Amino acid sequence: MAWVCCKVTVVEVLDHDWYPGSCKAVLTDSEGVEHTFVEKLPVVGLEEVKDSDLPLQKSIRVEIVKDMGDWVEITTERPDSIEAEDGTTHFVVPKESLEMLADD
């Protein structure tokens, strides 16, 4: 299936002193449940961020598993092998939370 970007909200920077740094980002699923990811800043499209800039809307790359009309099942396993803090990698999200990948 296709790789796209899914919107997440960066809520906390965990490490300012280490490159590339890390942050907590939250993905909200179709039921309003918030799933927290701890990832390197570049995974969410950031090089650096100030605490005063938070919360900040960014995105993570995901793969579409199933198109369900207004909803889409996605996985965060591909292409970047990331998972929520509880180990979850499959989510159903509103289609409007997805964006096409920018051409490199």
C-alpha atoms as a PDB file:
ATOM      1  CA  MET A   1       0.000   0.000   0.000  1.00  0.00           C
ATOM      2  CA  ALA A   2       0.956   3.678  -0.009  1.00  0.00           C
ATOM      3  CA  TRP A   3       3.189   5.554   2.408  1.00  0.00           C
ATOM      4  CA  VAL A   4       1.773   8.827   3.663  1.00  0.00           C
ATOM      5  CA  CYS A   5       2.265  11.174   6.597  1.00  0.00           C
ATOM      6  CA  CYS A   6      -0.041  11.122   9.619  1.00  0.00           C
ATOM      7  CA  LYS A   7      -0.431  14.219  11.768  1.00  0.00           C
ATOM      8  CA  VAL A   8       0.899  14.052  15.316  1.00  0.00           C
ATOM      9  CA  THR A   9       1.299  16.680  18.010  1.00  0.00           C
ATOM     10  CA  VAL A  10       4.760  17.119  19.530  1.00  0.00           C
ATOM     11  CA  VAL A  11       4.107  17.780  23.221  1.00  0.00           C
ATOM     12  CA  GLU A  12       7.523  17.496  24.889  1.00  0.00           C
ATOM     13  CA  VAL A  13      11.203  17.621  24.004  1.00  0.00           C
ATOM     14  CA  LEU A  14      13.085  15.005  26.002  1.00  0.00           C
ATOM     15  CA  ASP A  15      16.687  15.719  25.118  1.00  0.00           C
ATOM     16  CA  HIS A  16      18.060  19.083  23.975  1.00  0.00           C
ATOM     17  CA  ASP A  17      21.721  18.157  24.460  1.00  0.00           C
ATOM     18  CA  TRP A  18      21.946  15.006  22.368  1.00  0.00           C
ATOM     19  CA  TYR A  19      21.866  14.945  18.566  1.00  0.00           C
ATOM     20  CA  PRO A  20      19.437  14.332  16.980  1.00  0.00           C
ATOM     21  CA  GLY A  21      17.365  14.786  20.139  1.00  0.00           C
ATOM     22  CA  SER A  22      14.091  13.120  21.010  1.00  0.00           C
ATOM     23  CA  CYS A  23      10.524  14.111  21.712  1.00  0.00           C
ATOM     24  CA  LYS A  24       7.100  12.856  22.736  1.00  0.00           C
ATOM     25  CA  ALA A  25       4.494  13.010  19.988  1.00  0.00           C
ATOM     26  CA  VAL A  26       0.813  12.135  20.264  1.00  0.00           C
ATOM     27  CA  LEU A  27      -1.335  10.510  17.570  1.00  0.00           C
ATOM     28  CA  THR A  28      -5.103  10.695  18.146  1.00  0.00           C
ATOM     29  CA  ASP A  29      -7.067   7.782  16.664  1.00  0.00           C
ATOM     30  CA  SER A  30     -10.628   7.634  15.323  1.00  0.00           C
ATOM     31  CA  GLU A  31     -12.055   7.067  18.811  1.00  0.00           C
ATOM     32  CA  GLY A  32     -10.220  10.053  20.308  1.00  0.00           C
ATOM     33  CA  VAL A  33      -7.660   7.859  22.094  1.00  0.00           C
ATOM     34  CA  GLU A  34      -4.223   9.471  22.330  1.00  0.00           C
ATOM     35  CA  HIS A  35      -1.211   7.260  21.572  1.00  0.00           C
ATOM     36  CA  THR A  36       2.201   8.562  22.668  1.00  0.00           C
ATOM     37  CA  PHE A  37       5.410   7.961  20.717  1.00  0.00           C
ATOM     38  CA  VAL A  38       8.957   8.710  21.868  1.00  0.00           C
ATOM     39  CA  GLU A  39      10.997   9.380  18.755  1.00  0.00           C
ATOM     40  CA  LYS A  40      14.017  11.189  17.394  1.00  0.00           C
ATOM     41  CA  LEU A  41      13.248  14.722  16.248  1.00  0.00           C
ATOM     42  CA  PRO A  42      13.901  14.004  12.520  1.00  0.00           C
ATOM     43  CA  VAL A  43      11.301  11.192  12.553  1.00  0.00           C
ATOM     44  CA  VAL A  44       8.625  13.835  13.233  1.00  0.00           C
ATOM     45  CA  GLY A  45      10.162  16.315  10.786  1.00  0.00           C
ATOM     46  CA  LEU A  46      12.130  18.490  13.208  1.00  0.00           C
ATOM     47  CA  GLU A  47      15.794  19.383  13.471  1.00  0.00           C
ATOM     48  CA  GLU A  48      15.465  21.286  16.714  1.00  0.00           C
ATOM     49  CA  VAL A  49      12.614  22.763  18.708  1.00  0.00           C
ATOM     50  CA  LYS A  50      12.239  25.074  21.701  1.00  0.00           C
ATOM     51  CA  ASP A  51       9.946  24.193  24.584  1.00  0.00           C
ATOM     52  CA  SER A  52       8.187  27.523  24.014  1.00  0.00           C
ATOM     53  CA  ASP A  53       7.147  26.312  20.516  1.00  0.00           C
ATOM     54  CA  LEU A  54       5.139  23.395  21.959  1.00  0.00           C
ATOM     55  CA  PRO A  55       2.676  21.909  21.324  1.00  0.00           C
ATOM     56  CA  LEU A  56       3.577  21.700  17.635  1.00  0.00           C
ATOM     57  CA  GLN A  57       1.745  19.910  14.823  1.00  0.00           C
ATOM     58  CA  LYS A  58       4.077  17.680  12.785  1.00  0.00           C
ATOM     59  CA  SER A  59       3.776  14.251  11.126  1.00  0.00           C
ATOM     60  CA  ILE A  60       5.193  10.739  11.015  1.00  0.00           C
ATOM     61  CA  ARG A  61       5.488   8.489   7.987  1.00  0.00           C
ATOM     62  CA  VAL A  62       3.022   5.597   7.979  1.00  0.00           C
ATOM     63  CA  GLU A  63       1.712   2.969   5.605  1.00  0.00           C
ATOM     64  CA  ILE A  64      -1.969   2.689   4.692  1.00  0.00           C
ATOM     65  CA  VAL A  65      -3.215  -0.827   5.461  1.00  0.00           C
ATOM     66  CA  LYS A  66      -6.885  -0.388   4.575  1.00  0.00           C
ATOM     67  CA  ASP A  67      -9.009   2.451   3.196  1.00  0.00           C
ATOM     68  CA  MET A  68     -12.344   2.458   5.019  1.00  0.00           C
ATOM     69  CA  GLY A  69     -13.968   5.535   3.462  1.00  0.00           C
ATOM     70  CA  ASP A  70     -13.710   8.428   5.937  1.00  0.00           C
ATOM     71  CA  TRP A  71     -11.328   6.342   8.068  1.00  0.00           C
ATOM     72  CA  VAL A  72      -8.022   4.667   7.254  1.00  0.00           C
ATOM     73  CA  GLU A  73      -6.200   1.842   9.005  1.00  0.00           C
ATOM     74  CA  ILE A  74      -2.488   2.643   9.173  1.00  0.00           C
ATOM     75  CA  THR A  75       0.659   1.030  10.491  1.00  0.00           C
ATOM     76  CA  THR A  76       3.700   2.796  11.913  1.00  0.00           C
ATOM     77  CA  GLU A  77       5.824  -0.347  11.430  1.00  0.00           C
ATOM     78  CA  ARG A  78       6.650   0.784   7.908  1.00  0.00           C
ATOM     79  CA  PRO A  79       8.586   2.661   6.724  1.00  0.00           C
ATOM     80  CA  ASP A  80      10.292   3.804   9.973  1.00  0.00           C
ATOM     81  CA  SER A  81       9.699   0.909  12.426  1.00  0.00           C
ATOM     82  CA  ILE A  82       8.152   3.010  15.179  1.00  0.00           C
ATOM     83  CA  GLU A  83       5.604   2.095  17.812  1.00  0.00           C
ATOM     84  CA  ALA A  84       3.601   3.809  20.525  1.00  0.00           C
ATOM     85  CA  GLU A  85       4.875   3.536  24.096  1.00  0.00           C
ATOM     86  CA  ASP A  86       2.483   0.630  24.682  1.00  0.00           C
ATOM     87  CA  GLY A  87       3.816  -1.225  21.608  1.00  0.00           C
ATOM     88  CA  THR A  88       0.849  -0.467  19.340  1.00  0.00           C
ATOM     89  CA  THR A  89       1.657  -0.092  15.638  1.00  0.00           C
ATOM     90  CA  HIS A  90      -1.793  -0.273  13.970  1.00  0.00           C
ATOM     91  CA  PHE A  91      -4.314   2.543  14.240  1.00  0.00           C
ATOM     92  CA  VAL A  92      -7.553   3.695  12.637  1.00  0.00           C
ATOM     93  CA  VAL A  93      -7.471   7.433  12.006  1.00  0.00           C
ATOM     94  CA  PRO A  94      -9.679   9.963  10.214  1.00  0.00           C
ATOM     95  CA  LYS A  95      -8.619  10.340   6.587  1.00  0.00           C
ATOM     96  CA  GLU A  96      -8.166  14.103   7.089  1.00  0.00           C
ATOM     97  CA  SER A  97      -5.254  13.381   9.465  1.00  0.00           C
ATOM     98  CA  LEU A  98      -3.202  12.054   6.516  1.00  0.00           C
ATOM     99  CA  GLU A  99      -1.011  14.016   4.120  1.00  0.00           C
ATOM    100  CA  MET A 100       0.776  12.867   0.995  1.00  0.00           C
ATOM    101  CA  LEU A 101       4.554  12.555   1.270  1.00  0.00           C
ATOM    102  CA  ALA A 102       6.456  15.490  -0.222  1.00  0.00           C
ATOM    103  CA  ASP A 103       8.686  14.632  -3.156  1.00  0.00           C
ATOM    104  CA  ASP A 104      12.352  14.632  -2.215  1.00  0.00           C
END
